[in-house]
Amino acid sequence: MPSISARIPDDERDELEEVAELLGEDKSATIRKALDEGLKQIRVRIAAERYQSGGISVNQAARVAGVSLAEWLEICRERNLTTQLKPEDIEGDADTALDL
């Protein structure tokens, strides 16, 4: 596993140590967990923004978010997301879903 070095402010270091203690893990494991969860959240946020603006289809949004189509539809429901896609874009997504 590669090693990456980063400088963080004192308050974030203190927060890291506190969370690591709460989890009963070392700081490295806590950083890996936080990075994984954070990256997933960022991917979902980017997908939601692009989907909401009509820039990407439902299938593309699921891929950007790194989740299945069913999971993406659940995320849309939870966030009350609507799309700005044209009917022909939605038909294309439906055709793609049928091919799966």
PDB file of N, CA and C in Angstrom:
ATOM      1  N   MET A   1       0.854  -1.164   0.000  1.00  0.00           N
ATOM      2  CA  MET A   1       0.000   0.000   0.000  1.00  0.00           C
ATOM      3  C   MET A   1       0.906   1.234   0.000  1.00  0.00           C
ATOM      4  N   PRO A   2       0.679   2.181  -0.924  1.00  0.00           N
ATOM      5  CA  PRO A   2       1.518   3.374  -0.959  1.00  0.00           C
ATOM      6  C   PRO A   2       1.287   4.267   0.261  1.00  0.00           C
ATOM      7  N   SER A   3       2.270   5.074   0.526  1.00  0.00           N
ATOM      8  CA  SER A   3       2.191   6.000   1.654  1.00  0.00           C
ATOM      9  C   SER A   3       2.074   7.422   1.118  1.00  0.00           C
ATOM     10  N   ILE A   4       1.182   8.212   1.726  1.00  0.00           N
ATOM     11  CA  ILE A   4       0.982   9.608   1.343  1.00  0.00           C
ATOM     12  C   ILE A   4       1.142  10.457   2.586  1.00  0.00           C
ATOM     13  N   SER A   5       1.826  11.576   2.429  1.00  0.00           N
ATOM     14  CA  SER A   5       2.032  12.489   3.547  1.00  0.00           C
ATOM     15  C   SER A   5       1.194  13.742   3.323  1.00  0.00           C
ATOM     16  N   ALA A   6       0.597  14.263   4.386  1.00  0.00           N
ATOM     17  CA  ALA A   6      -0.200  15.490   4.274  1.00  0.00           C
ATOM     18  C   ALA A   6      -0.044  16.318   5.542  1.00  0.00           C
ATOM     19  N   ARG A   7      -0.060  17.616   5.377  1.00  0.00           N
ATOM     20  CA  ARG A   7      -0.027  18.519   6.521  1.00  0.00           C
ATOM     21  C   ARG A   7      -1.465  18.877   6.871  1.00  0.00           C
ATOM     22  N   ILE A   8      -1.803  18.804   8.149  1.00  0.00           N
ATOM     23  CA  ILE A   8      -3.150  19.174   8.583  1.00  0.00           C
ATOM     24  C   ILE A   8      -3.037  20.144   9.761  1.00  0.00           C
ATOM     25  N   PRO A   9      -4.023  21.023   9.908  1.00  0.00           N
ATOM     26  CA  PRO A   9      -4.013  21.963  11.029  1.00  0.00           C
ATOM     27  C   PRO A   9      -4.119  21.225  12.365  1.00  0.00           C
ATOM     28  N   ASP A  10      -3.664  21.876  13.411  1.00  0.00           N
ATOM     29  CA  ASP A  10      -3.670  21.275  14.748  1.00  0.00           C
ATOM     30  C   ASP A  10      -5.063  20.809  15.167  1.00  0.00           C
ATOM     31  N   ASP A  11      -6.092  21.614  14.860  1.00  0.00           N
ATOM     32  CA  ASP A  11      -7.440  21.237  15.290  1.00  0.00           C
ATOM     33  C   ASP A  11      -7.911  19.958  14.586  1.00  0.00           C
ATOM     34  N   GLU A  12      -7.527  19.768  13.321  1.00  0.00           N
ATOM     35  CA  GLU A  12      -7.899  18.541  12.617  1.00  0.00           C
ATOM     36  C   GLU A  12      -7.113  17.348  13.157  1.00  0.00           C
ATOM     37  N   ARG A  13      -5.864  17.561  13.533  1.00  0.00           N
ATOM     38  CA  ARG A  13      -5.074  16.496  14.153  1.00  0.00           C
ATOM     39  C   ARG A  13      -5.723  16.056  15.459  1.00  0.00           C
ATOM     40  N   ASP A  14      -6.169  17.056  16.251  1.00  0.00           N
ATOM     41  CA  ASP A  14      -6.829  16.741  17.513  1.00  0.00           C
ATOM     42  C   ASP A  14      -8.123  15.964  17.271  1.00  0.00           C
ATOM     43  N   GLU A  15      -8.869  16.385  16.258  1.00  0.00           N
ATOM     44  CA  GLU A  15     -10.118  15.694  15.894  1.00  0.00           C
ATOM     45  C   GLU A  15      -9.820  14.266  15.449  1.00  0.00           C
ATOM     46  N   LEU A  16      -8.784  14.101  14.650  1.00  0.00           N
ATOM     47  CA  LEU A  16      -8.380  12.773  14.187  1.00  0.00           C
ATOM     48  C   LEU A  16      -8.049  11.870  15.374  1.00  0.00           C
ATOM     49  N   GLU A  17      -7.286  12.372  16.301  1.00  0.00           N
ATOM     50  CA  GLU A  17      -6.910  11.568  17.468  1.00  0.00           C
ATOM     51  C   GLU A  17      -8.138  11.198  18.291  1.00  0.00           C
ATOM     52  N   GLU A  18      -9.081  12.135  18.410  1.00  0.00           N
ATOM     53  CA  GLU A  18     -10.300  11.868  19.186  1.00  0.00           C
ATOM     54  C   GLU A  18     -11.159  10.803  18.508  1.00  0.00           C
ATOM     55  N   VAL A  19     -11.330  10.922  17.203  1.00  0.00           N
ATOM     56  CA  VAL A  19     -12.144   9.943  16.469  1.00  0.00           C
ATOM     57  C   VAL A  19     -11.462   8.578  16.471  1.00  0.00           C
ATOM     58  N   ALA A  20     -10.154   8.549  16.300  1.00  0.00           N
ATOM     59  CA  ALA A  20      -9.423   7.280  16.337  1.00  0.00           C
ATOM     60  C   ALA A  20      -9.631   6.591  17.674  1.00  0.00           C
ATOM     61  N   GLU A  21      -9.591   7.367  18.735  1.00  0.00           N
ATOM     62  CA  GLU A  21      -9.819   6.793  20.065  1.00  0.00           C
ATOM     63  C   GLU A  21     -11.249   6.268  20.199  1.00  0.00           C
ATOM     64  N   LEU A  22     -12.220   7.023  19.687  1.00  0.00           N
ATOM     65  CA  LEU A  22     -13.618   6.580  19.742  1.00  0.00           C
ATOM     66  C   LEU A  22     -13.814   5.266  18.991  1.00  0.00           C
ATOM     67  N   LEU A  23     -13.116   5.135  17.869  1.00  0.00           N
ATOM     68  CA  LEU A  23     -13.231   3.923  17.057  1.00  0.00           C
ATOM     69  C   LEU A  23     -12.358   2.788  17.570  1.00  0.00           C
ATOM     70  N   GLY A  24     -11.438   3.110  18.453  1.00  0.00           N
ATOM     71  CA  GLY A  24     -10.510   2.088  18.938  1.00  0.00           C
ATOM     72  C   GLY A  24      -9.529   1.656  17.865  1.00  0.00           C
ATOM     73  N   GLU A  25      -9.165   2.593  16.991  1.00  0.00           N
ATOM     74  CA  GLU A  25      -8.257   2.309  15.879  1.00  0.00           C
ATOM     75  C   GLU A  25      -7.055   3.238  15.963  1.00  0.00           C
ATOM     76  N   ASP A  26      -6.028   2.900  15.197  1.00  0.00           N
ATOM     77  CA  ASP A  26      -4.912   3.833  15.114  1.00  0.00           C
ATOM     78  C   ASP A  26      -5.262   4.948  14.128  1.00  0.00           C
ATOM     79  N   LYS A  27      -4.439   5.978  14.122  1.00  0.00           N
ATOM     80  CA  LYS A  27      -4.727   7.140  13.273  1.00  0.00           C
ATOM     81  C   LYS A  27      -4.718   6.786  11.788  1.00  0.00           C
ATOM     82  N   SER A  28      -3.829   5.897  11.384  1.00  0.00           N
ATOM     83  CA  SER A  28      -3.767   5.525   9.960  1.00  0.00           C
ATOM     84  C   SER A  28      -5.065   4.867   9.500  1.00  0.00           C
ATOM     85  N   ALA A  29      -5.591   3.955  10.293  1.00  0.00           N
ATOM     86  CA  ALA A  29      -6.849   3.289   9.937  1.00  0.00           C
ATOM     87  C   ALA A  29      -7.995   4.296   9.905  1.00  0.00           C
ATOM     88  N   THR A  30      -7.983   5.227  10.847  1.00  0.00           N
ATOM     89  CA  THR A  30      -9.033   6.248  10.893  1.00  0.00           C
ATOM     90  C   THR A  30      -8.943   7.167   9.679  1.00  0.00           C
ATOM     91  N   ILE A  31      -7.743   7.530   9.280  1.00  0.00           N
ATOM     92  CA  ILE A  31      -7.568   8.370   8.087  1.00  0.00           C
ATOM     93  C   ILE A  31      -8.073   7.641   6.852  1.00  0.00           C
ATOM     94  N   ARG A  32      -7.726   6.349   6.707  1.00  0.00           N
ATOM     95  CA  ARG A  32      -8.195   5.575   5.550  1.00  0.00           C
ATOM     96  C   ARG A  32      -9.714   5.505   5.517  1.00  0.00           C
ATOM     97  N   LYS A  33     -10.313   5.285   6.674  1.00  0.00           N
ATOM     98  CA  LYS A  33     -11.777   5.205   6.753  1.00  0.00           C
ATOM     99  C   LYS A  33     -12.411   6.557   6.403  1.00  0.00           C
ATOM    100  N   ALA A  34     -11.860   7.635   6.953  1.00  0.00           N
ATOM    101  CA  ALA A  34     -12.401   8.979   6.685  1.00  0.00           C
ATOM    102  C   ALA A  34     -12.243   9.339   5.207  1.00  0.00           C
ATOM    103  N   LEU A  35     -11.116   8.994   4.625  1.00  0.00           N
ATOM    104  CA  LEU A  35     -10.881   9.274   3.215  1.00  0.00           C
ATOM    105  C   LEU A  35     -11.863   8.501   2.339  1.00  0.00           C
ATOM    106  N   ASP A  36     -12.057   7.223   2.643  1.00  0.00           N
ATOM    107  CA  ASP A  36     -12.994   6.402   1.879  1.00  0.00           C
ATOM    108  C   ASP A  36     -14.412   6.968   1.959  1.00  0.00           C
ATOM    109  N   GLU A  37     -14.862   7.262   3.169  1.00  0.00           N
ATOM    110  CA  GLU A  37     -16.213   7.808   3.342  1.00  0.00           C
ATOM    111  C   GLU A  37     -16.344   9.179   2.697  1.00  0.00           C
ATOM    112  N   GLY A  38     -15.322  10.007   2.836  1.00  0.00           N
ATOM    113  CA  GLY A  38     -15.350  11.347   2.252  1.00  0.00           C
ATOM    114  C   GLY A  38     -15.385  11.322   0.739  1.00  0.00           C
ATOM    115  N   LEU A  39     -14.580  10.448   0.133  1.00  0.00           N
ATOM    116  CA  LEU A  39     -14.567  10.352  -1.325  1.00  0.00           C
ATOM    117  C   LEU A  39     -15.909   9.863  -1.853  1.00  0.00           C
ATOM    118  N   LYS A  40     -16.520   8.920  -1.152  1.00  0.00           N
ATOM    119  CA  LYS A  40     -17.845   8.447  -1.558  1.00  0.00           C
ATOM    120  C   LYS A  40     -18.858   9.587  -1.508  1.00  0.00           C
ATOM    121  N   GLN A  41     -18.819  10.383  -0.455  1.00  0.00           N
ATOM    122  CA  GLN A  41     -19.740  11.515  -0.325  1.00  0.00           C
ATOM    123  C   GLN A  41     -19.509  12.542  -1.432  1.00  0.00           C
ATOM    124  N   ILE A  42     -18.254  12.794  -1.757  1.00  0.00           N
ATOM    125  CA  ILE A  42     -17.941  13.750  -2.825  1.00  0.00           C
ATOM    126  C   ILE A  42     -18.468  13.247  -4.155  1.00  0.00           C
ATOM    127  N   ARG A  43     -18.284  11.951  -4.438  1.00  0.00           N
ATOM    128  CA  ARG A  43     -18.778  11.391  -5.697  1.00  0.00           C
ATOM    129  C   ARG A  43     -20.300  11.530  -5.797  1.00  0.00           C
ATOM    130  N   VAL A  44     -20.999  11.252  -4.706  1.00  0.00           N
ATOM    131  CA  VAL A  44     -22.463  11.367  -4.706  1.00  0.00           C
ATOM    132  C   VAL A  44     -22.868  12.826  -4.902  1.00  0.00           C
ATOM    133  N   ARG A  45     -22.170  13.746  -4.247  1.00  0.00           N
ATOM    134  CA  ARG A  45     -22.502  15.171  -4.383  1.00  0.00           C
ATOM    135  C   ARG A  45     -22.305  15.644  -5.818  1.00  0.00           C
ATOM    136  N   ILE A  46     -21.186  15.250  -6.440  1.00  0.00           N
ATOM    137  CA  ILE A  46     -20.928  15.639  -7.827  1.00  0.00           C
ATOM    138  C   ILE A  46     -21.994  15.055  -8.746  1.00  0.00           C
ATOM    139  N   ALA A  47     -22.321  13.786  -8.545  1.00  0.00           N
ATOM    140  CA  ALA A  47     -23.352  13.141  -9.373  1.00  0.00           C
ATOM    141  C   ALA A  47     -24.689  13.846  -9.204  1.00  0.00           C
ATOM    142  N   ALA A  48     -25.050  14.185  -7.979  1.00  0.00           N
ATOM    143  CA  ALA A  48     -26.325  14.856  -7.715  1.00  0.00           C
ATOM    144  C   ALA A  48     -26.374  16.222  -8.399  1.00  0.00           C
ATOM    145  N   GLU A  49     -25.293  16.974  -8.304  1.00  0.00           N
ATOM    146  CA  GLU A  49     -25.255  18.301  -8.934  1.00  0.00           C
ATOM    147  C   GLU A  49     -25.398  18.192 -10.449  1.00  0.00           C
ATOM    148  N   ARG A  50     -24.670  17.263 -11.035  1.00  0.00           N
ATOM    149  CA  ARG A  50     -24.712  17.115 -12.501  1.00  0.00           C
ATOM    150  C   ARG A  50     -26.049  16.555 -12.965  1.00  0.00           C
ATOM    151  N   TYR A  51     -26.599  15.626 -12.201  1.00  0.00           N
ATOM    152  CA  TYR A  51     -27.897  15.037 -12.551  1.00  0.00           C
ATOM    153  C   TYR A  51     -28.999  16.088 -12.432  1.00  0.00           C
ATOM    154  N   GLN A  52     -28.975  16.847 -11.338  1.00  0.00           N
ATOM    155  CA  GLN A  52     -30.006  17.865 -11.091  1.00  0.00           C
ATOM    156  C   GLN A  52     -29.992  18.935 -12.187  1.00  0.00           C
ATOM    157  N   SER A  53     -28.810  19.263 -12.685  1.00  0.00           N
ATOM    158  CA  SER A  53     -28.708  20.295 -13.714  1.00  0.00           C
ATOM    159  C   SER A  53     -29.023  19.760 -15.110  1.00  0.00           C
ATOM    160  N   GLY A  54     -29.175  18.447 -15.219  1.00  0.00           N
ATOM    161  CA  GLY A  54     -29.458  17.849 -16.517  1.00  0.00           C
ATOM    162  C   GLY A  54     -28.213  17.550 -17.322  1.00  0.00           C
ATOM    163  N   GLY A  55     -27.048  17.664 -16.690  1.00  0.00           N
ATOM    164  CA  GLY A  55     -25.799  17.424 -17.392  1.00  0.00           C
ATOM    165  C   GLY A  55     -25.510  15.962 -17.645  1.00  0.00           C
ATOM    166  N   ILE A  56     -26.082  15.086 -16.816  1.00  0.00           N
ATOM    167  CA  ILE A  56     -25.859  13.651 -16.993  1.00  0.00           C
ATOM    168  C   ILE A  56     -27.164  12.888 -16.764  1.00  0.00           C
ATOM    169  N   SER A  57     -27.207  11.705 -17.327  1.00  0.00           N
ATOM    170  CA  SER A  57     -28.394  10.848 -17.201  1.00  0.00           C
ATOM    171  C   SER A  57     -28.376  10.108 -15.875  1.00  0.00           C
ATOM    172  N   VAL A  58     -29.436   9.389 -15.619  1.00  0.00           N
ATOM    173  CA  VAL A  58     -29.537   8.613 -14.387  1.00  0.00           C
ATOM    174  C   VAL A  58     -28.458   7.528 -14.343  1.00  0.00           C
ATOM    175  N   ASN A  59     -28.215   6.866 -15.472  1.00  0.00           N
ATOM    176  CA  ASN A  59     -27.175   5.845 -15.513  1.00  0.00           C
ATOM    177  C   ASN A  59     -25.787   6.452 -15.328  1.00  0.00           C
ATOM    178  N   GLN A  60     -25.543   7.582 -15.960  1.00  0.00           N
ATOM    179  CA  GLN A  60     -24.260   8.254 -15.800  1.00  0.00           C
ATOM    180  C   GLN A  60     -24.072   8.714 -14.355  1.00  0.00           C
ATOM    181  N   ALA A  61     -25.125   9.205 -13.745  1.00  0.00           N
ATOM    182  CA  ALA A  61     -25.045   9.665 -12.357  1.00  0.00           C
ATOM    183  C   ALA A  61     -24.693   8.502 -11.428  1.00  0.00           C
ATOM    184  N   ALA A  62     -25.295   7.353 -11.663  1.00  0.00           N
ATOM    185  CA  ALA A  62     -24.984   6.180 -10.838  1.00  0.00           C
ATOM    186  C   ALA A  62     -23.516   5.813 -10.984  1.00  0.00           C
ATOM    187  N   ARG A  63     -23.002   5.883 -12.210  1.00  0.00           N
ATOM    188  CA  ARG A  63     -21.582   5.569 -12.428  1.00  0.00           C
ATOM    189  C   ARG A  63     -20.678   6.592 -11.736  1.00  0.00           C
ATOM    190  N   VAL A  64     -20.994   7.883 -11.862  1.00  0.00           N
ATOM    191  CA  VAL A  64     -20.190   8.922 -11.211  1.00  0.00           C
ATOM    192  C   VAL A  64     -20.208   8.723  -9.696  1.00  0.00           C
ATOM    193  N   ALA A  65     -21.371   8.404  -9.149  1.00  0.00           N
ATOM    194  CA  ALA A  65     -21.510   8.212  -7.708  1.00  0.00           C
ATOM    195  C   ALA A  65     -20.854   6.916  -7.240  1.00  0.00           C
ATOM    196  N   GLY A  66     -20.597   5.998  -8.166  1.00  0.00           N
ATOM    197  CA  GLY A  66     -19.985   4.727  -7.799  1.00  0.00           C
ATOM    198  C   GLY A  66     -20.955   3.777  -7.116  1.00  0.00           C
ATOM    199  N   VAL A  67     -22.242   3.865  -7.504  1.00  0.00           N
ATOM    200  CA  VAL A  67     -23.273   3.022  -6.902  1.00  0.00           C
ATOM    201  C   VAL A  67     -24.087   2.352  -8.002  1.00  0.00           C
ATOM    202  N   SER A  68     -24.882   1.369  -7.611  1.00  0.00           N
ATOM    203  CA  SER A  68     -25.766   0.718  -8.573  1.00  0.00           C
ATOM    204  C   SER A  68     -26.896   1.675  -8.951  1.00  0.00           C
ATOM    205  N   LEU A  69     -27.583   1.347 -10.023  1.00  0.00           N
ATOM    206  CA  LEU A  69     -28.715   2.166 -10.451  1.00  0.00           C
ATOM    207  C   LEU A  69     -29.782   2.205  -9.366  1.00  0.00           C
ATOM    208  N   ALA A  70     -30.052   1.078  -8.741  1.00  0.00           N
ATOM    209  CA  ALA A  70     -31.054   1.033  -7.663  1.00  0.00           C
ATOM    210  C   ALA A  70     -30.637   1.934  -6.500  1.00  0.00           C
ATOM    211  N   GLU A  71     -29.347   1.888  -6.139  1.00  0.00           N
ATOM    212  CA  GLU A  71     -28.867   2.743  -5.054  1.00  0.00           C
ATOM    213  C   GLU A  71     -28.979   4.214  -5.438  1.00  0.00           C
ATOM    214  N   TRP A  72     -28.668   4.529  -6.706  1.00  0.00           N
ATOM    215  CA  TRP A  72     -28.769   5.919  -7.155  1.00  0.00           C
ATOM    216  C   TRP A  72     -30.216   6.405  -7.081  1.00  0.00           C
ATOM    217  N   LEU A  73     -31.151   5.576  -7.502  1.00  0.00           N
ATOM    218  CA  LEU A  73     -32.557   5.974  -7.449  1.00  0.00           C
ATOM    219  C   LEU A  73     -33.000   6.216  -6.007  1.00  0.00           C
ATOM    220  N   GLU A  74     -32.474   5.435  -5.075  1.00  0.00           N
ATOM    221  CA  GLU A  74     -32.777   5.647  -3.655  1.00  0.00           C
ATOM    222  C   GLU A  74     -32.174   6.971  -3.176  1.00  0.00           C
ATOM    223  N   ILE A  75     -30.966   7.281  -3.607  1.00  0.00           N
ATOM    224  CA  ILE A  75     -30.342   8.557  -3.259  1.00  0.00           C
ATOM    225  C   ILE A  75     -31.187   9.707  -3.796  1.00  0.00           C
ATOM    226  N   CYS A  76     -31.662   9.575  -5.027  1.00  0.00           N
ATOM    227  CA  CYS A  76     -32.518  10.615  -5.628  1.00  0.00           C
ATOM    228  C   CYS A  76     -33.789  10.813  -4.806  1.00  0.00           C
ATOM    229  N   ARG A  77     -34.377   9.704  -4.391  1.00  0.00           N
ATOM    230  CA  ARG A  77     -35.599   9.797  -3.598  1.00  0.00           C
ATOM    231  C   ARG A  77     -35.322  10.489  -2.269  1.00  0.00           C
ATOM    232  N   GLU A  78     -34.249  10.077  -1.596  1.00  0.00           N
ATOM    233  CA  GLU A  78     -33.910  10.663  -0.299  1.00  0.00           C
ATOM    234  C   GLU A  78     -33.624  12.155  -0.398  1.00  0.00           C
ATOM    235  N   ARG A  79     -33.034  12.583  -1.497  1.00  0.00           N
ATOM    236  CA  ARG A  79     -32.641  13.984  -1.676  1.00  0.00           C
ATOM    237  C   ARG A  79     -33.661  14.789  -2.481  1.00  0.00           C
ATOM    238  N   ASN A  80     -34.761  14.142  -2.851  1.00  0.00           N
ATOM    239  CA  ASN A  80     -35.788  14.791  -3.667  1.00  0.00           C
ATOM    240  C   ASN A  80     -35.206  15.392  -4.940  1.00  0.00           C
ATOM    241  N   LEU A  81     -34.324  14.634  -5.589  1.00  0.00           N
ATOM    242  CA  LEU A  81     -33.700  15.122  -6.816  1.00  0.00           C
ATOM    243  C   LEU A  81     -34.645  14.946  -7.993  1.00  0.00           C
ATOM    244  N   THR A  82     -34.652  15.939  -8.824  1.00  0.00           N
ATOM    245  CA  THR A  82     -35.384  15.855 -10.086  1.00  0.00           C
ATOM    246  C   THR A  82     -34.370  16.135 -11.190  1.00  0.00           C
ATOM    247  N   THR A  83     -34.662  15.700 -12.364  1.00  0.00           N
ATOM    248  CA  THR A  83     -33.732  15.896 -13.468  1.00  0.00           C
ATOM    249  C   THR A  83     -34.268  16.936 -14.440  1.00  0.00           C
ATOM    250  N   GLN A  84     -33.366  17.511 -15.179  1.00  0.00           N
ATOM    251  CA  GLN A  84     -33.726  18.467 -16.221  1.00  0.00           C
ATOM    252  C   GLN A  84     -33.551  17.828 -17.602  1.00  0.00           C
ATOM    253  N   LEU A  85     -33.466  16.502 -17.618  1.00  0.00           N
ATOM    254  CA  LEU A  85     -33.259  15.792 -18.876  1.00  0.00           C
ATOM    255  C   LEU A  85     -34.497  15.882 -19.761  1.00  0.00           C
ATOM    256  N   LYS A  86     -34.246  15.778 -21.057  1.00  0.00           N
ATOM    257  CA  LYS A  86     -35.334  15.754 -22.034  1.00  0.00           C
ATOM    258  C   LYS A  86     -35.915  14.337 -22.098  1.00  0.00           C
ATOM    259  N   PRO A  87     -37.155  14.197 -22.544  1.00  0.00           N
ATOM    260  CA  PRO A  87     -37.775  12.860 -22.625  1.00  0.00           C
ATOM    261  C   PRO A  87     -36.932  11.842 -23.404  1.00  0.00           C
ATOM    262  N   GLU A  88     -36.274  12.288 -24.486  1.00  0.00           N
ATOM    263  CA  GLU A  88     -35.476  11.334 -25.268  1.00  0.00           C
ATOM    264  C   GLU A  88     -34.264  10.824 -24.480  1.00  0.00           C
ATOM    265  N   ASP A  89     -33.729  11.659 -23.578  1.00  0.00           N
ATOM    266  CA  ASP A  89     -32.634  11.203 -22.727  1.00  0.00           C
ATOM    267  C   ASP A  89     -33.128  10.110 -21.772  1.00  0.00           C
ATOM    268  N   ILE A  90     -34.306  10.317 -21.223  1.00  0.00           N
ATOM    269  CA  ILE A  90     -34.878   9.345 -20.293  1.00  0.00           C
ATOM    270  C   ILE A  90     -35.206   8.051 -21.026  1.00  0.00           C
ATOM    271  N   GLU A  91     -35.696   8.163 -22.253  1.00  0.00           N
ATOM    272  CA  GLU A  91     -35.969   6.969 -23.051  1.00  0.00           C
ATOM    273  C   GLU A  91     -34.685   6.180 -23.296  1.00  0.00           C
ATOM    274  N   GLY A  92     -33.586   6.885 -23.547  1.00  0.00           N
ATOM    275  CA  GLY A  92     -32.292   6.223 -23.745  1.00  0.00           C
ATOM    276  C   GLY A  92     -31.875   5.469 -22.499  1.00  0.00           C
ATOM    277  N   ASP A  93     -32.089   6.086 -21.323  1.00  0.00           N
ATOM    278  CA  ASP A  93     -31.781   5.410 -20.061  1.00  0.00           C
ATOM    279  C   ASP A  93     -32.646   4.170 -19.886  1.00  0.00           C
ATOM    280  N   ALA A  94     -33.919   4.278 -20.248  1.00  0.00           N
ATOM    281  CA  ALA A  94     -34.822   3.130 -20.132  1.00  0.00           C
ATOM    282  C   ALA A  94     -34.367   1.995 -21.036  1.00  0.00           C
ATOM    283  N   ASP A  95     -33.960   2.331 -22.250  1.00  0.00           N
ATOM    284  CA  ASP A  95     -33.467   1.318 -23.182  1.00  0.00           C
ATOM    285  C   ASP A  95     -32.211   0.638 -22.631  1.00  0.00           C
ATOM    286  N   THR A  96     -31.328   1.442 -22.038  1.00  0.00           N
ATOM    287  CA  THR A  96     -30.109   0.892 -21.449  1.00  0.00           C
ATOM    288  C   THR A  96     -30.453  -0.050 -20.303  1.00  0.00           C
ATOM    289  N   ALA A  97     -31.406   0.356 -19.482  1.00  0.00           N
ATOM    290  CA  ALA A  97     -31.818  -0.483 -18.335  1.00  0.00           C
ATOM    291  C   ALA A  97     -32.406  -1.806 -18.809  1.00  0.00           C
ATOM    292  N   LEU A  98     -33.151  -1.768 -19.892  1.00  0.00           N
ATOM    293  CA  LEU A  98     -33.742  -3.003 -20.428  1.00  0.00           C
ATOM    294  C   LEU A  98     -32.662  -3.955 -20.941  1.00  0.00           C
ATOM    295  N   ASP A  99     -31.569  -3.386 -21.452  1.00  0.00           N
ATOM    296  CA  ASP A  99     -30.474  -4.209 -21.960  1.00  0.00           C
ATOM    297  C   ASP A  99     -29.698  -4.893 -20.841  1.00  0.00           C
ATOM    298  N   LEU A 100     -29.816  -4.377 -19.624  1.00  0.00           N
ATOM    299  CA  LEU A 100     -29.081  -4.973 -18.509  1.00  0.00           C
ATOM    300  C   LEU A 100     -29.707  -6.240 -18.140  1.00  0.00           C
TER     301      LEU A 100
END
